[in-house]
Amino acid sequence: MGIIEKSEEVQKSLENWSAGFGRGKYSRILKMARKPTREEYSKVLTITGLGILFIGGVGFTLYFIFQVWLQIP
């Protein structure tokens, strides 16, 4: 099987998968989905930003402990 036949087979399988996407088990989720309000978006953005800062702070603290206090290279 050549590369052209293989790529056509992959494309056909992707097209078949995407064609049934709206009718299968994901259809109810897609129908219920909506654009978030400005308030919802700002809350998600705030929580995500705080999470990133927290994880970065933990990483920096560990770096500081291992590199500066314990002198581990």
N, C-alpha and C. Protein backbone atom coordinates (compact mmCIF):
# COMPACT_ATOMS: atom_id res chain seq x y z
N MET A 1 0.85 -1.17 0.00
CA MET A 1 0.00 0.00 0.00
C MET A 1 0.90 1.23 0.00
N GLY A 2 0.66 2.10 -0.97
CA GLY A 2 1.45 3.31 -1.09
C GLY A 2 1.00 4.39 -0.12
N ILE A 3 1.77 5.45 -0.13
CA ILE A 3 1.47 6.54 0.80
C ILE A 3 0.17 7.25 0.42
N ILE A 4 -0.13 7.30 -0.87
CA ILE A 4 -1.37 7.97 -1.31
C ILE A 4 -2.59 7.18 -0.85
N GLU A 5 -2.55 5.85 -1.02
CA GLU A 5 -3.67 5.03 -0.57
C GLU A 5 -3.85 5.10 0.94
N LYS A 6 -2.73 5.10 1.65
CA LYS A 6 -2.78 5.18 3.11
C LYS A 6 -3.37 6.52 3.57
N SER A 7 -2.95 7.62 2.92
CA SER A 7 -3.47 8.93 3.30
C SER A 7 -4.96 9.05 2.96
N GLU A 8 -5.39 8.46 1.83
CA GLU A 8 -6.80 8.47 1.49
C GLU A 8 -7.62 7.68 2.51
N GLU A 9 -7.07 6.57 2.99
CA GLU A 9 -7.75 5.76 3.99
C GLU A 9 -7.89 6.52 5.31
N VAL A 10 -6.84 7.20 5.72
CA VAL A 10 -6.88 8.00 6.95
C VAL A 10 -7.87 9.14 6.81
N GLN A 11 -7.87 9.81 5.66
CA GLN A 11 -8.79 10.92 5.44
C GLN A 11 -10.24 10.43 5.46
N LYS A 12 -10.50 9.28 4.85
CA LYS A 12 -11.84 8.73 4.82
C LYS A 12 -12.32 8.37 6.23
N SER A 13 -11.42 7.80 7.04
CA SER A 13 -11.82 7.45 8.41
C SER A 13 -12.09 8.70 9.24
N LEU A 14 -11.30 9.77 9.05
CA LEU A 14 -11.54 11.02 9.76
C LEU A 14 -12.85 11.67 9.32
N GLU A 15 -13.15 11.61 8.03
CA GLU A 15 -14.41 12.17 7.54
C GLU A 15 -15.60 11.40 8.10
N ASN A 16 -15.50 10.08 8.17
CA ASN A 16 -16.59 9.27 8.72
C ASN A 16 -16.79 9.58 10.21
N TRP A 17 -15.69 9.75 10.94
CA TRP A 17 -15.79 10.07 12.36
C TRP A 17 -16.42 11.44 12.57
N SER A 18 -16.01 12.43 11.79
CA SER A 18 -16.54 13.79 11.97
C SER A 18 -17.99 13.90 11.50
N ALA A 19 -18.39 13.07 10.54
CA ALA A 19 -19.77 13.13 10.04
C ALA A 19 -20.75 12.68 11.12
N GLY A 20 -20.38 11.71 11.93
CA GLY A 20 -21.27 11.22 12.97
C GLY A 20 -21.11 11.93 14.29
N PHE A 21 -20.29 12.93 14.35
CA PHE A 21 -19.99 13.62 15.60
C PHE A 21 -21.21 14.31 16.18
N GLY A 22 -22.03 14.92 15.36
CA GLY A 22 -23.20 15.65 15.85
C GLY A 22 -24.38 14.77 16.19
N ARG A 23 -24.33 13.50 15.82
CA ARG A 23 -25.46 12.61 16.07
C ARG A 23 -25.17 11.57 17.15
N GLY A 24 -23.95 11.45 17.56
CA GLY A 24 -23.57 10.39 18.49
C GLY A 24 -23.68 10.82 19.94
N LYS A 25 -22.78 10.30 20.73
CA LYS A 25 -22.84 10.54 22.17
C LYS A 25 -22.47 11.97 22.55
N TYR A 26 -21.88 12.74 21.65
CA TYR A 26 -21.50 14.11 21.94
C TYR A 26 -22.57 15.13 21.53
N SER A 27 -23.62 14.69 20.88
CA SER A 27 -24.60 15.64 20.34
C SER A 27 -25.29 16.43 21.44
N ARG A 28 -25.63 15.79 22.55
CA ARG A 28 -26.32 16.49 23.63
C ARG A 28 -25.41 17.57 24.23
N ILE A 29 -24.13 17.25 24.37
CA ILE A 29 -23.18 18.23 24.90
C ILE A 29 -23.05 19.41 23.95
N LEU A 30 -22.97 19.15 22.67
CA LEU A 30 -22.85 20.23 21.69
C LEU A 30 -24.10 21.09 21.65
N LYS A 31 -25.27 20.48 21.83
CA LYS A 31 -26.51 21.25 21.82
C LYS A 31 -26.64 22.13 23.07
N MET A 32 -26.10 21.66 24.20
CA MET A 32 -26.20 22.41 25.45
C MET A 32 -25.13 23.49 25.57
N ALA A 33 -24.09 23.41 24.77
CA ALA A 33 -22.97 24.36 24.88
C ALA A 33 -23.42 25.76 24.50
N ARG A 34 -22.89 26.74 25.21
CA ARG A 34 -23.20 28.13 24.90
C ARG A 34 -21.98 28.98 25.21
N LYS A 35 -22.02 30.19 24.72
CA LYS A 35 -20.93 31.12 24.97
C LYS A 35 -21.02 31.60 26.42
N PRO A 36 -19.90 31.62 27.14
CA PRO A 36 -19.97 32.08 28.54
C PRO A 36 -20.22 33.58 28.61
N THR A 37 -20.85 33.99 29.71
CA THR A 37 -21.07 35.42 29.91
C THR A 37 -19.76 36.07 30.32
N ARG A 38 -19.75 37.38 30.32
CA ARG A 38 -18.54 38.12 30.69
C ARG A 38 -18.13 37.81 32.13
N GLU A 39 -19.12 37.67 33.02
CA GLU A 39 -18.84 37.37 34.43
C GLU A 39 -18.24 35.97 34.59
N GLU A 40 -18.82 34.99 33.89
CA GLU A 40 -18.28 33.63 33.96
C GLU A 40 -16.85 33.58 33.42
N TYR A 41 -16.62 34.26 32.32
CA TYR A 41 -15.29 34.27 31.71
C TYR A 41 -14.27 34.91 32.65
N SER A 42 -14.64 36.01 33.29
CA SER A 42 -13.69 36.67 34.19
C SER A 42 -13.40 35.81 35.42
N LYS A 43 -14.40 35.08 35.93
CA LYS A 43 -14.16 34.18 37.06
C LYS A 43 -13.20 33.06 36.67
N VAL A 44 -13.43 32.46 35.51
CA VAL A 44 -12.55 31.38 35.05
C VAL A 44 -11.14 31.91 34.84
N LEU A 45 -11.02 33.09 34.26
CA LEU A 45 -9.71 33.70 34.03
C LEU A 45 -9.00 33.99 35.34
N THR A 46 -9.72 34.49 36.33
CA THR A 46 -9.13 34.79 37.64
C THR A 46 -8.64 33.52 38.34
N ILE A 47 -9.48 32.50 38.35
CA ILE A 47 -9.12 31.25 39.01
C ILE A 47 -7.93 30.60 38.31
N THR A 48 -7.93 30.62 36.99
CA THR A 48 -6.82 30.04 36.24
C THR A 48 -5.53 30.81 36.51
N GLY A 49 -5.60 32.12 36.52
CA GLY A 49 -4.42 32.93 36.80
C GLY A 49 -3.87 32.69 38.19
N LEU A 50 -4.77 32.59 39.18
CA LEU A 50 -4.33 32.30 40.54
C LEU A 50 -3.68 30.92 40.63
N GLY A 51 -4.22 29.96 39.91
CA GLY A 51 -3.63 28.62 39.89
C GLY A 51 -2.24 28.62 39.29
N ILE A 52 -2.06 29.35 38.20
CA ILE A 52 -0.76 29.45 37.56
C ILE A 52 0.24 30.12 38.49
N LEU A 53 -0.17 31.20 39.15
CA LEU A 53 0.72 31.88 40.09
C LEU A 53 1.07 30.98 41.28
N PHE A 54 0.10 30.22 41.78
CA PHE A 54 0.35 29.33 42.90
C PHE A 54 1.36 28.25 42.52
N ILE A 55 1.16 27.60 41.38
CA ILE A 55 2.07 26.54 40.94
C ILE A 55 3.46 27.11 40.67
N GLY A 56 3.52 28.30 40.08
CA GLY A 56 4.81 28.95 39.86
C GLY A 56 5.49 29.31 41.16
N GLY A 57 4.71 29.76 42.15
CA GLY A 57 5.28 30.08 43.46
C GLY A 57 5.84 28.85 44.16
N VAL A 58 5.12 27.74 44.07
CA VAL A 58 5.61 26.50 44.66
C VAL A 58 6.90 26.07 43.97
N GLY A 59 6.94 26.16 42.66
CA GLY A 59 8.15 25.79 41.92
C GLY A 59 9.32 26.69 42.28
N PHE A 60 9.09 27.98 42.37
CA PHE A 60 10.16 28.90 42.73
C PHE A 60 10.64 28.65 44.15
N THR A 61 9.72 28.36 45.06
CA THR A 61 10.10 28.07 46.44
C THR A 61 10.98 26.83 46.52
N LEU A 62 10.58 25.77 45.80
CA LEU A 62 11.40 24.56 45.77
C LEU A 62 12.77 24.84 45.16
N TYR A 63 12.81 25.60 44.08
CA TYR A 63 14.08 25.97 43.46
C TYR A 63 14.95 26.73 44.46
N PHE A 64 14.36 27.69 45.13
CA PHE A 64 15.10 28.50 46.09
C PHE A 64 15.65 27.64 47.22
N ILE A 65 14.83 26.74 47.73
CA ILE A 65 15.28 25.86 48.82
C ILE A 65 16.44 24.99 48.37
N PHE A 66 16.31 24.35 47.23
CA PHE A 66 17.34 23.41 46.78
C PHE A 66 18.60 24.11 46.29
N GLN A 67 18.47 25.23 45.62
CA GLN A 67 19.64 25.89 45.04
C GLN A 67 20.35 26.82 46.01
N VAL A 68 19.63 27.56 46.79
CA VAL A 68 20.25 28.59 47.63
C VAL A 68 20.54 28.06 49.04
N TRP A 69 19.55 27.47 49.68
CA TRP A 69 19.73 27.04 51.05
C TRP A 69 20.56 25.75 51.15
N LEU A 70 20.27 24.78 50.30
CA LEU A 70 20.95 23.49 50.43
C LEU A 70 22.19 23.38 49.55
N GLN A 71 22.40 24.32 48.68
CA GLN A 71 23.57 24.36 47.78
C GLN A 71 23.69 23.08 46.95
N ILE A 72 22.57 22.58 46.44
CA ILE A 72 22.58 21.39 45.58
C ILE A 72 22.63 21.88 44.13
N PRO A 73 23.62 21.44 43.37
CA PRO A 73 23.74 21.91 41.98
C PRO A 73 22.70 21.33 41.07
